[in-house]
Amino acid sequence: MPHHFLEGFENKWTLVRETSSSQKFRVKTPDDHTFALDIHYTIGKMLTVNVVFMGKKENLSKNIINPVLDELGRIAIKHRDYAVIDYTLACTDELFDGNFTIDEKDRLIRKL
């Protein structure tokens, strides 16, 4: 499904996965920086986001991250009237998307 709210952005946003209460994006900036954003649409006025920058901390500046956060704000407002983005920022050399299957035997033992 196309996400028309991403049109006109300075950065290239690619949807990795989506649920009713979250979205995960990869973002590529015009100067070839990469971010991973895991957005959790919570109740209230605060959006919770995990932001990962692919690169060294010393290579990250406000000029790089602020346009990404501005566009994130536009996405957030399309979902709800959010006022604050509560985010955690990490820097890494590599990004990996994975899934971990919870062991069925363990689930039975713990009665989950």
PDB file of N, CA and C in Angstrom:
ATOM      1  N   MET A   1       0.849  -1.177   0.000  1.00  0.00           N
ATOM      2  CA  MET A   1       0.000   0.000   0.000  1.00  0.00           C
ATOM      3  C   MET A   1       0.894   1.241   0.000  1.00  0.00           C
ATOM      4  N   PRO A   2       0.674   2.164  -0.935  1.00  0.00           N
ATOM      5  CA  PRO A   2       1.490   3.375  -0.950  1.00  0.00           C
ATOM      6  C   PRO A   2       1.152   4.272   0.239  1.00  0.00           C
ATOM      7  N   HIS A   3       2.164   4.910   0.743  1.00  0.00           N
ATOM      8  CA  HIS A   3       1.989   5.846   1.851  1.00  0.00           C
ATOM      9  C   HIS A   3       2.199   7.251   1.307  1.00  0.00           C
ATOM     10  N   HIS A   4       1.110   7.903   0.931  1.00  0.00           N
ATOM     11  CA  HIS A   4       1.177   9.213   0.298  1.00  0.00           C
ATOM     12  C   HIS A   4       1.712  10.294   1.235  1.00  0.00           C
ATOM     13  N   PHE A   5       1.646  10.051   2.556  1.00  0.00           N
ATOM     14  CA  PHE A   5       2.161  11.044   3.498  1.00  0.00           C
ATOM     15  C   PHE A   5       3.676  11.152   3.435  1.00  0.00           C
ATOM     16  N   LEU A   6       4.351  10.226   2.728  1.00  0.00           N
ATOM     17  CA  LEU A   6       5.810  10.284   2.581  1.00  0.00           C
ATOM     18  C   LEU A   6       6.233  11.112   1.383  1.00  0.00           C
ATOM     19  N   GLU A   7       5.286  11.480   0.541  1.00  0.00           N
ATOM     20  CA  GLU A   7       5.606  12.247  -0.663  1.00  0.00           C
ATOM     21  C   GLU A   7       6.072  13.651  -0.302  1.00  0.00           C
ATOM     22  N   GLY A   8       7.060  14.119  -1.051  1.00  0.00           N
ATOM     23  CA  GLY A   8       7.570  15.472  -0.850  1.00  0.00           C
ATOM     24  C   GLY A   8       8.625  15.584   0.237  1.00  0.00           C
ATOM     25  N   PHE A   9       9.037  14.461   0.812  1.00  0.00           N
ATOM     26  CA  PHE A   9      10.068  14.497   1.836  1.00  0.00           C
ATOM     27  C   PHE A   9      11.435  14.676   1.190  1.00  0.00           C
ATOM     28  N   GLU A  10      12.330  15.342   1.902  1.00  0.00           N
ATOM     29  CA  GLU A  10      13.715  15.530   1.458  1.00  0.00           C
ATOM     30  C   GLU A  10      14.471  14.202   1.476  1.00  0.00           C
ATOM     31  N   ASN A  11      14.158  13.366   2.471  1.00  0.00           N
ATOM     32  CA  ASN A  11      14.821  12.075   2.645  1.00  0.00           C
ATOM     33  C   ASN A  11      13.960  10.961   2.059  1.00  0.00           C
ATOM     34  N   LYS A  12      14.595   9.829   1.726  1.00  0.00           N
ATOM     35  CA  LYS A  12      13.868   8.687   1.172  1.00  0.00           C
ATOM     36  C   LYS A  12      13.477   7.746   2.310  1.00  0.00           C
ATOM     37  N   TRP A  13      12.181   7.618   2.557  1.00  0.00           N
ATOM     38  CA  TRP A  13      11.648   6.766   3.611  1.00  0.00           C
ATOM     39  C   TRP A  13      11.151   5.469   2.992  1.00  0.00           C
ATOM     40  N   THR A  14      11.610   4.333   3.533  1.00  0.00           N
ATOM     41  CA  THR A  14      11.164   3.017   3.073  1.00  0.00           C
ATOM     42  C   THR A  14      10.547   2.284   4.251  1.00  0.00           C
ATOM     43  N   LEU A  15       9.306   1.858   4.091  1.00  0.00           N
ATOM     44  CA  LEU A  15       8.618   1.129   5.147  1.00  0.00           C
ATOM     45  C   LEU A  15       9.138  -0.296   5.213  1.00  0.00           C
ATOM     46  N   VAL A  16       9.600  -0.711   6.398  1.00  0.00           N
ATOM     47  CA  VAL A  16      10.107  -2.067   6.607  1.00  0.00           C
ATOM     48  C   VAL A  16       8.983  -2.968   7.094  1.00  0.00           C
ATOM     49  N   ARG A  17       8.212  -2.489   8.065  1.00  0.00           N
ATOM     50  CA  ARG A  17       7.058  -3.232   8.568  1.00  0.00           C
ATOM     51  C   ARG A  17       6.089  -2.271   9.229  1.00  0.00           C
ATOM     52  N   GLU A  18       4.851  -2.738   9.381  1.00  0.00           N
ATOM     53  CA  GLU A  18       3.809  -1.884   9.942  1.00  0.00           C
ATOM     54  C   GLU A  18       2.800  -2.735  10.687  1.00  0.00           C
ATOM     55  N   THR A  19       2.376  -2.264  11.863  1.00  0.00           N
ATOM     56  CA  THR A  19       1.274  -2.857  12.601  1.00  0.00           C
ATOM     57  C   THR A  19       0.280  -1.740  12.894  1.00  0.00           C
ATOM     58  N   SER A  20      -0.772  -2.050  13.614  1.00  0.00           N
ATOM     59  CA  SER A  20      -1.762  -1.018  13.928  1.00  0.00           C
ATOM     60  C   SER A  20      -1.218   0.048  14.872  1.00  0.00           C
ATOM     61  N   SER A  21      -0.144  -0.279  15.630  1.00  0.00           N
ATOM     62  CA  SER A  21       0.382   0.688  16.598  1.00  0.00           C
ATOM     63  C   SER A  21       1.858   1.016  16.407  1.00  0.00           C
ATOM     64  N   SER A  22       2.458   0.565  15.285  1.00  0.00           N
ATOM     65  CA  SER A  22       3.874   0.856  15.084  1.00  0.00           C
ATOM     66  C   SER A  22       4.239   0.810  13.603  1.00  0.00           C
ATOM     67  N   GLN A  23       5.359   1.434  13.304  1.00  0.00           N
ATOM     68  CA  GLN A  23       5.940   1.386  11.970  1.00  0.00           C
ATOM     69  C   GLN A  23       7.455   1.358  12.108  1.00  0.00           C
ATOM     70  N   LYS A  24       8.089   0.679  11.168  1.00  0.00           N
ATOM     71  CA  LYS A  24       9.545   0.636  11.140  1.00  0.00           C
ATOM     72  C   LYS A  24       9.984   1.097   9.753  1.00  0.00           C
ATOM     73  N   PHE A  25      10.865   2.097   9.726  1.00  0.00           N
ATOM     74  CA  PHE A  25      11.334   2.683   8.482  1.00  0.00           C
ATOM     75  C   PHE A  25      12.842   2.635   8.389  1.00  0.00           C
ATOM     76  N   ARG A  26      13.337   2.602   7.160  1.00  0.00           N
ATOM     77  CA  ARG A  26      14.720   2.925   6.843  1.00  0.00           C
ATOM     78  C   ARG A  26      14.660   4.288   6.161  1.00  0.00           C
ATOM     79  N   VAL A  27      15.578   5.160   6.522  1.00  0.00           N
ATOM     80  CA  VAL A  27      15.618   6.506   5.947  1.00  0.00           C
ATOM     81  C   VAL A  27      17.009   6.741   5.375  1.00  0.00           C
ATOM     82  N   LYS A  28      17.042   7.176   4.132  1.00  0.00           N
ATOM     83  CA  LYS A  28      18.310   7.497   3.459  1.00  0.00           C
ATOM     84  C   LYS A  28      18.286   8.993   3.162  1.00  0.00           C
ATOM     85  N   THR A  29      19.309   9.709   3.647  1.00  0.00           N
ATOM     86  CA  THR A  29      19.387  11.147   3.425  1.00  0.00           C
ATOM     87  C   THR A  29      20.023  11.418   2.060  1.00  0.00           C
ATOM     88  N   PRO A  30      19.847  12.635   1.518  1.00  0.00           N
ATOM     89  CA  PRO A  30      20.453  12.956   0.221  1.00  0.00           C
ATOM     90  C   PRO A  30      21.976  12.813   0.211  1.00  0.00           C
ATOM     91  N   ASP A  31      22.616  12.998   1.377  1.00  0.00           N
ATOM     92  CA  ASP A  31      24.074  12.850   1.428  1.00  0.00           C
ATOM     93  C   ASP A  31      24.486  11.444   1.878  1.00  0.00           C
ATOM     94  N   ASP A  32      23.569  10.469   1.685  1.00  0.00           N
ATOM     95  CA  ASP A  32      23.840   9.034   1.827  1.00  0.00           C
ATOM     96  C   ASP A  32      24.030   8.555   3.257  1.00  0.00           C
ATOM     97  N   HIS A  33      23.416   9.202   4.229  1.00  0.00           N
ATOM     98  CA  HIS A  33      23.390   8.692   5.601  1.00  0.00           C
ATOM     99  C   HIS A  33      22.149   7.822   5.748  1.00  0.00           C
ATOM    100  N   THR A  34      22.250   6.784   6.590  1.00  0.00           N
ATOM    101  CA  THR A  34      21.136   5.858   6.789  1.00  0.00           C
ATOM    102  C   THR A  34      20.703   5.858   8.246  1.00  0.00           C
ATOM    103  N   PHE A  35      19.382   5.856   8.440  1.00  0.00           N
ATOM    104  CA  PHE A  35      18.767   5.752   9.756  1.00  0.00           C
ATOM    105  C   PHE A  35      17.773   4.596   9.737  1.00  0.00           C
ATOM    106  N   ALA A  36      17.565   3.983  10.888  1.00  0.00           N
ATOM    107  CA  ALA A  36      16.455   3.067  11.105  1.00  0.00           C
ATOM    108  C   ALA A  36      15.598   3.686  12.194  1.00  0.00           C
ATOM    109  N   LEU A  37      14.295   3.772  11.948  1.00  0.00           N
ATOM    110  CA  LEU A  37      13.382   4.338  12.940  1.00  0.00           C
ATOM    111  C   LEU A  37      12.293   3.330  13.254  1.00  0.00           C
ATOM    112  N   ASP A  38      12.120   3.055  14.528  1.00  0.00           N
ATOM    113  CA  ASP A  38      11.074   2.163  15.007  1.00  0.00           C
ATOM    114  C   ASP A  38      10.104   3.023  15.805  1.00  0.00           C
ATOM    115  N   ILE A  39       8.947   3.290  15.217  1.00  0.00           N
ATOM    116  CA  ILE A  39       7.976   4.233  15.767  1.00  0.00           C
ATOM    117  C   ILE A  39       6.868   3.471  16.485  1.00  0.00           C
ATOM    118  N   HIS A  40       6.553   3.909  17.711  1.00  0.00           N
ATOM    119  CA  HIS A  40       5.477   3.309  18.487  1.00  0.00           C
ATOM    120  C   HIS A  40       4.443   4.388  18.780  1.00  0.00           C
ATOM    121  N   TYR A  41       3.268   4.201  18.214  1.00  0.00           N
ATOM    122  CA  TYR A  41       2.189   5.163  18.381  1.00  0.00           C
ATOM    123  C   TYR A  41       1.489   4.894  19.703  1.00  0.00           C
ATOM    124  N   THR A  42       1.821   5.698  20.692  1.00  0.00           N
ATOM    125  CA  THR A  42       1.293   5.544  22.041  1.00  0.00           C
ATOM    126  C   THR A  42       0.147   6.521  22.253  1.00  0.00           C
ATOM    127  N   ILE A  43      -0.610   6.300  23.321  1.00  0.00           N
ATOM    128  CA  ILE A  43      -1.689   7.230  23.627  1.00  0.00           C
ATOM    129  C   ILE A  43      -1.098   8.500  24.236  1.00  0.00           C
ATOM    130  N   GLY A  44      -1.858   9.546  24.220  1.00  0.00           N
ATOM    131  CA  GLY A  44      -1.371  10.818  24.735  1.00  0.00           C
ATOM    132  C   GLY A  44      -0.692  11.624  23.646  1.00  0.00           C
ATOM    133  N   LYS A  45       0.082  12.595  24.037  1.00  0.00           N
ATOM    134  CA  LYS A  45       0.713  13.535  23.107  1.00  0.00           C
ATOM    135  C   LYS A  45       2.173  13.203  22.791  1.00  0.00           C
ATOM    136  N   MET A  46       2.682  12.051  23.343  1.00  0.00           N
ATOM    137  CA  MET A  46       4.099  11.734  23.170  1.00  0.00           C
ATOM    138  C   MET A  46       4.271  10.492  22.298  1.00  0.00           C
ATOM    139  N   LEU A  47       5.040  10.645  21.237  1.00  0.00           N
ATOM    140  CA  LEU A  47       5.381   9.557  20.331  1.00  0.00           C
ATOM    141  C   LEU A  47       6.697   8.943  20.804  1.00  0.00           C
ATOM    142  N   THR A  48       6.790   7.622  20.836  1.00  0.00           N
ATOM    143  CA  THR A  48       8.016   6.947  21.264  1.00  0.00           C
ATOM    144  C   THR A  48       8.714   6.357  20.048  1.00  0.00           C
ATOM    145  N   VAL A  49      10.019   6.688  19.884  1.00  0.00           N
ATOM    146  CA  VAL A  49      10.761   6.269  18.699  1.00  0.00           C
ATOM    147  C   VAL A  49      12.169   5.836  19.081  1.00  0.00           C
ATOM    148  N   ASN A  50      12.601   4.718  18.516  1.00  0.00           N
ATOM    149  CA  ASN A  50      13.998   4.304  18.591  1.00  0.00           C
ATOM    150  C   ASN A  50      14.636   4.696  17.271  1.00  0.00           C
ATOM    151  N   VAL A  51      15.697   5.495  17.342  1.00  0.00           N
ATOM    152  CA  VAL A  51      16.396   5.980  16.147  1.00  0.00           C
ATOM    153  C   VAL A  51      17.806   5.407  16.163  1.00  0.00           C
ATOM    154  N   VAL A  52      18.195   4.779  15.052  1.00  0.00           N
ATOM    155  CA  VAL A  52      19.547   4.246  14.926  1.00  0.00           C
ATOM    156  C   VAL A  52      20.195   4.901  13.716  1.00  0.00           C
ATOM    157  N   PHE A  53      21.359   5.486  13.939  1.00  0.00           N
ATOM    158  CA  PHE A  53      22.149   6.121  12.885  1.00  0.00           C
ATOM    159  C   PHE A  53      23.249   5.155  12.474  1.00  0.00           C
ATOM    160  N   MET A  54      23.346   4.888  11.184  1.00  0.00           N
ATOM    161  CA  MET A  54      24.419   4.022  10.708  1.00  0.00           C
ATOM    162  C   MET A  54      25.646   4.885  10.457  1.00  0.00           C
ATOM    163  N   GLY A  55      26.591   4.799  11.378  1.00  0.00           N
ATOM    164  CA  GLY A  55      27.798   5.598  11.290  1.00  0.00           C
ATOM    165  C   GLY A  55      28.312   5.914  12.680  1.00  0.00           C
ATOM    166  N   LYS A  56      29.409   6.620  12.720  1.00  0.00           N
ATOM    167  CA  LYS A  56      30.041   7.009  13.979  1.00  0.00           C
ATOM    168  C   LYS A  56      29.334   8.230  14.568  1.00  0.00           C
ATOM    169  N   LYS A  57      29.289   8.288  15.882  1.00  0.00           N
ATOM    170  CA  LYS A  57      28.649   9.398  16.586  1.00  0.00           C
ATOM    171  C   LYS A  57      29.232  10.741  16.156  1.00  0.00           C
ATOM    172  N   GLU A  58      30.548  10.776  15.954  1.00  0.00           N
ATOM    173  CA  GLU A  58      31.191  12.045  15.589  1.00  0.00           C
ATOM    174  C   GLU A  58      30.803  12.513  14.183  1.00  0.00           C
ATOM    175  N   ASN A  59      30.208  11.619  13.372  1.00  0.00           N
ATOM    176  CA  ASN A  59      29.747  11.998  12.025  1.00  0.00           C
ATOM    177  C   ASN A  59      28.295  12.456  12.003  1.00  0.00           C
ATOM    178  N   LEU A  60      27.633  12.407  13.146  1.00  0.00           N
ATOM    179  CA  LEU A  60      26.224  12.802  13.240  1.00  0.00           C
ATOM    180  C   LEU A  60      26.129  14.229  13.751  1.00  0.00           C
ATOM    181  N   SER A  61      25.393  15.062  13.023  1.00  0.00           N
ATOM    182  CA  SER A  61      25.200  16.451  13.439  1.00  0.00           C
ATOM    183  C   SER A  61      23.711  16.789  13.384  1.00  0.00           C
ATOM    184  N   LYS A  62      23.366  17.928  13.955  1.00  0.00           N
ATOM    185  CA  LYS A  62      21.973  18.388  13.900  1.00  0.00           C
ATOM    186  C   LYS A  62      21.526  18.614  12.463  1.00  0.00           C
ATOM    187  N   ASN A  63      22.455  19.007  11.593  1.00  0.00           N
ATOM    188  CA  ASN A  63      22.115  19.214  10.188  1.00  0.00           C
ATOM    189  C   ASN A  63      21.697  17.916   9.511  1.00  0.00           C
ATOM    190  N   ILE A  64      22.167  16.788  10.034  1.00  0.00           N
ATOM    191  CA  ILE A  64      21.813  15.484   9.470  1.00  0.00           C
ATOM    192  C   ILE A  64      20.528  14.953  10.084  1.00  0.00           C
ATOM    193  N   ILE A  65      20.411  15.010  11.413  1.00  0.00           N
ATOM    194  CA  ILE A  65      19.272  14.364  12.079  1.00  0.00           C
ATOM    195  C   ILE A  65      18.013  15.232  12.113  1.00  0.00           C
ATOM    196  N   ASN A  66      18.152  16.548  12.208  1.00  0.00           N
ATOM    197  CA  ASN A  66      16.959  17.395  12.333  1.00  0.00           C
ATOM    198  C   ASN A  66      15.985  17.269  11.165  1.00  0.00           C
ATOM    199  N   PRO A  67      16.440  17.205   9.902  1.00  0.00           N
ATOM    200  CA  PRO A  67      15.475  17.007   8.812  1.00  0.00           C
ATOM    201  C   PRO A  67      14.720  15.678   8.918  1.00  0.00           C
ATOM    202  N   VAL A  68      15.392  14.640   9.411  1.00  0.00           N
ATOM    203  CA  VAL A  68      14.733  13.343   9.606  1.00  0.00           C
ATOM    204  C   VAL A  68      13.674  13.463  10.699  1.00  0.00           C
ATOM    205  N   LEU A  69      14.009  14.113  11.813  1.00  0.00           N
ATOM    206  CA  LEU A  69      13.047  14.294  12.907  1.00  0.00           C
ATOM    207  C   LEU A  69      11.893  15.205  12.492  1.00  0.00           C
ATOM    208  N   ASP A  70      12.167  16.210  11.667  1.00  0.00           N
ATOM    209  CA  ASP A  70      11.088  17.073  11.158  1.00  0.00           C
ATOM    210  C   ASP A  70      10.093  16.257  10.335  1.00  0.00           C
ATOM    211  N   GLU A  71      10.619  15.380   9.466  1.00  0.00           N
ATOM    212  CA  GLU A  71       9.729  14.548   8.655  1.00  0.00           C
ATOM    213  C   GLU A  71       9.000  13.521   9.521  1.00  0.00           C
ATOM    214  N   LEU A  72       9.676  13.003  10.546  1.00  0.00           N
ATOM    215  CA  LEU A  72       9.024  12.112  11.499  1.00  0.00           C
ATOM    216  C   LEU A  72       7.850  12.824  12.169  1.00  0.00           C
ATOM    217  N   GLY A  73       8.036  14.089  12.514  1.00  0.00           N
ATOM    218  CA  GLY A  73       6.949  14.874  13.100  1.00  0.00           C
ATOM    219  C   GLY A  73       5.757  14.975  12.169  1.00  0.00           C
ATOM    220  N   ARG A  74       6.014  15.115  10.880  1.00  0.00           N
ATOM    221  CA  ARG A  74       4.918  15.172   9.900  1.00  0.00           C
ATOM    222  C   ARG A  74       4.171  13.843   9.838  1.00  0.00           C
ATOM    223  N   ILE A  75       4.912  12.728   9.916  1.00  0.00           N
ATOM    224  CA  ILE A  75       4.276  11.410   9.941  1.00  0.00           C
ATOM    225  C   ILE A  75       3.437  11.258  11.204  1.00  0.00           C
ATOM    226  N   ALA A  76       3.996  11.679  12.339  1.00  0.00           N
ATOM    227  CA  ALA A  76       3.302  11.550  13.627  1.00  0.00           C
ATOM    228  C   ALA A  76       1.981  12.307  13.628  1.00  0.00           C
ATOM    229  N   ILE A  77       1.994  13.514  13.111  1.00  0.00           N
ATOM    230  CA  ILE A  77       0.778  14.336  13.099  1.00  0.00           C
ATOM    231  C   ILE A  77      -0.292  13.729  12.198  1.00  0.00           C
ATOM    232  N   LYS A  78       0.115  12.991  11.163  1.00  0.00           N
ATOM    233  CA  LYS A  78      -0.860  12.303  10.310  1.00  0.00           C
ATOM    234  C   LYS A  78      -1.587  11.208  11.087  1.00  0.00           C
ATOM    235  N   HIS A  79      -0.940  10.647  12.107  1.00  0.00           N
ATOM    236  CA  HIS A  79      -1.555   9.580  12.900  1.00  0.00           C
ATOM    237  C   HIS A  79      -2.397  10.109  14.057  1.00  0.00           C
ATOM    238  N   ARG A  80      -1.912  11.160  14.702  1.00  0.00           N
ATOM    239  CA  ARG A  80      -2.595  11.683  15.889  1.00  0.00           C
ATOM    240  C   ARG A  80      -1.977  13.043  16.198  1.00  0.00           C
ATOM    241  N   ASP A  81      -2.568  13.759  17.084  1.00  0.00           N
ATOM    242  CA  ASP A  81      -2.103  15.094  17.446  1.00  0.00           C
ATOM    243  C   ASP A  81      -0.959  15.003  18.466  1.00  0.00           C
ATOM    244  N   TYR A  82       0.180  14.445  18.029  1.00  0.00           N
ATOM    245  CA  TYR A  82       1.335  14.336  18.917  1.00  0.00           C
ATOM    246  C   TYR A  82       2.024  15.693  19.074  1.00  0.00           C
ATOM    247  N   ALA A  83       2.600  15.925  20.264  1.00  0.00           N
ATOM    248  CA  ALA A  83       3.295  17.182  20.541  1.00  0.00           C
ATOM    249  C   ALA A  83       4.788  16.982  20.782  1.00  0.00           C
ATOM    250  N   VAL A  84       5.189  15.768  21.203  1.00  0.00           N
ATOM    251  CA  VAL A  84       6.574  15.494  21.569  1.00  0.00           C
ATOM    252  C   VAL A  84       7.004  14.160  20.965  1.00  0.00           C
ATOM    253  N   ILE A  85       8.242  14.122  20.461  1.00  0.00           N
ATOM    254  CA  ILE A  85       8.850  12.868  20.028  1.00  0.00           C
ATOM    255  C   ILE A  85       9.849  12.469  21.110  1.00  0.00           C
ATOM    256  N   ASP A  86       9.534  11.408  21.839  1.00  0.00           N
ATOM    257  CA  ASP A  86      10.427  10.867  22.864  1.00  0.00           C
ATOM    258  C   ASP A  86      11.266   9.804  22.168  1.00  0.00           C
ATOM    259  N   TYR A  87      12.566  10.109  21.947  1.00  0.00           N
ATOM    260  CA  TYR A  87      13.367   9.166  21.175  1.00  0.00           C
ATOM    261  C   TYR A  87      14.649   8.776  21.892  1.00  0.00           C
ATOM    262  N   THR A  88      15.115   7.585  21.530  1.00  0.00           N
ATOM    263  CA  THR A  88      16.420   7.089  21.933  1.00  0.00           C
ATOM    264  C   THR A  88      17.246   7.002  20.670  1.00  0.00           C
ATOM    265  N   LEU A  89      18.470   7.524  20.720  1.00  0.00           N
ATOM    266  CA  LEU A  89      19.349   7.535  19.555  1.00  0.00           C
ATOM    267  C   LEU A  89      20.550   6.628  19.810  1.00  0.00           C
ATOM    268  N   ALA A  90      20.816   5.748  18.846  1.00  0.00           N
ATOM    269  CA  ALA A  90      21.998   4.884  18.905  1.00  0.00           C
ATOM    270  C   ALA A  90      22.753   5.014  17.597  1.00  0.00           C
ATOM    271  N   CYS A  91      24.051   4.779  17.652  1.00  0.00           N
ATOM    272  CA  CYS A  91      24.899   4.795  16.458  1.00  0.00           C
ATOM    273  C   CYS A  91      25.510   3.406  16.302  1.00  0.00           C
ATOM    274  N   THR A  92      25.615   2.950  15.056  1.00  0.00           N
ATOM    275  CA  THR A  92      26.127   1.611  14.806  1.00  0.00           C
ATOM    276  C   THR A  92      26.879   1.544  13.486  1.00  0.00           C
ATOM    277  N   ASP A  93      27.715   0.534  13.344  1.00  0.00           N
ATOM    278  CA  ASP A  93      28.426   0.319  12.087  1.00  0.00           C
ATOM    279  C   ASP A  93      27.571  -0.439  11.078  1.00  0.00           C
ATOM    280  N   GLU A  94      26.651  -1.284  11.578  1.00  0.00           N
ATOM    281  CA  GLU A  94      25.799  -2.082  10.707  1.00  0.00           C
ATOM    282  C   GLU A  94      24.380  -2.100  11.242  1.00  0.00           C
ATOM    283  N   LEU A  95      23.422  -2.230  10.322  1.00  0.00           N
ATOM    284  CA  LEU A  95      22.021  -2.386  10.692  1.00  0.00           C
ATOM    285  C   LEU A  95      21.553  -3.755  10.231  1.00  0.00           C
ATOM    286  N   PHE A  96      20.785  -4.415  11.066  1.00  0.00           N
ATOM    287  CA  PHE A  96      20.272  -5.739  10.747  1.00  0.00           C
ATOM    288  C   PHE A  96      18.828  -5.819  11.218  1.00  0.00           C
ATOM    289  N   ASP A  97      17.945  -6.231  10.339  1.00  0.00           N
ATOM    290  CA  ASP A  97      16.552  -6.479  10.709  1.00  0.00           C
ATOM    291  C   ASP A  97      16.383  -7.966  10.914  1.00  0.00           C
ATOM    292  N   GLY A  98      15.887  -8.343  12.060  1.00  0.00           N
ATOM    293  CA  GLY A  98      15.731  -9.763  12.330  1.00  0.00           C
ATOM    294  C   GLY A  98      14.451 -10.046  13.086  1.00  0.00           C
ATOM    295  N   ASN A  99      14.180 -11.302  13.203  1.00  0.00           N
ATOM    296  CA  ASN A  99      13.067 -11.806  13.999  1.00  0.00           C
ATOM    297  C   ASN A  99      13.608 -12.924  14.870  1.00  0.00           C
ATOM    298  N   PHE A 100      13.061 -13.044  16.048  1.00  0.00           N
ATOM    299  CA  PHE A 100      13.449 -14.098  16.967  1.00  0.00           C
ATOM    300  C   PHE A 100      12.203 -14.892  17.297  1.00  0.00           C
ATOM    301  N   THR A 101      12.225 -16.181  17.005  1.00  0.00           N
ATOM    302  CA  THR A 101      11.079 -17.031  17.283  1.00  0.00           C
ATOM    303  C   THR A 101      11.142 -17.499  18.730  1.00  0.00           C
ATOM    304  N   ILE A 102      10.081 -17.269  19.447  1.00  0.00           N
ATOM    305  CA  ILE A 102      10.010 -17.678  20.845  1.00  0.00           C
ATOM    306  C   ILE A 102       9.762 -19.180  20.885  1.00  0.00           C
ATOM    307  N   ASP A 103      10.585 -19.889  21.633  1.00  0.00           N
ATOM    308  CA  ASP A 103      10.529 -21.335  21.724  1.00  0.00           C
ATOM    309  C   ASP A 103       9.173 -21.784  22.276  1.00  0.00           C
ATOM    310  N   GLU A 104       8.460 -22.652  21.527  1.00  0.00           N
ATOM    311  CA  GLU A 104       7.141 -23.124  21.955  1.00  0.00           C
ATOM    312  C   GLU A 104       7.200 -23.904  23.260  1.00  0.00           C
ATOM    313  N   LYS A 105       8.241 -24.724  23.455  1.00  0.00           N
ATOM    314  CA  LYS A 105       8.375 -25.492  24.698  1.00  0.00           C
ATOM    315  C   LYS A 105       8.525 -24.545  25.892  1.00  0.00           C
ATOM    316  N   ASP A 106       9.329 -23.521  25.733  1.00  0.00           N
ATOM    317  CA  ASP A 106       9.513 -22.532  26.795  1.00  0.00           C
ATOM    318  C   ASP A 106       8.198 -21.835  27.105  1.00  0.00           C
ATOM    319  N   ARG A 107       7.434 -21.508  26.062  1.00  0.00           N
ATOM    320  CA  ARG A 107       6.137 -20.861  26.275  1.00  0.00           C
ATOM    321  C   ARG A 107       5.202 -21.745  27.093  1.00  0.00           C
ATOM    322  N   LEU A 108       5.218 -23.054  26.820  1.00  0.00           N
ATOM    323  CA  LEU A 108       4.365 -23.992  27.574  1.00  0.00           C
ATOM    324  C   LEU A 108       4.807 -24.069  29.026  1.00  0.00           C
ATOM    325  N   ILE A 109       6.131 -24.168  29.259  1.00  0.00           N
ATOM    326  CA  ILE A 109       6.665 -24.264  30.618  1.00  0.00           C
ATOM    327  C   ILE A 109       6.280 -23.032  31.426  1.00  0.00           C
ATOM    328  N   ARG A 110       6.396 -21.860  30.828  1.00  0.00           N
ATOM    329  CA  ARG A 110       6.080 -20.611  31.534  1.00  0.00           C
ATOM    330  C   ARG A 110       4.604 -20.241  31.445  1.00  0.00           C
ATOM    331  N   LYS A 111       3.798 -21.106  30.809  1.00  0.00           N
ATOM    332  CA  LYS A 111       2.354 -20.913  30.675  1.00  0.00           C
ATOM    333  C   LYS A 111       2.019 -19.578  30.018  1.00  0.00           C
ATOM    334  N   LEU A 112       2.689 -19.308  28.913  1.00  0.00           N
ATOM    335  CA  LEU A 112       2.429 -18.085  28.156  1.00  0.00           C
ATOM    336  C   LEU A 112       1.487 -18.362  27.014  1.00  0.00           C
TER     337      LEU A 112
END
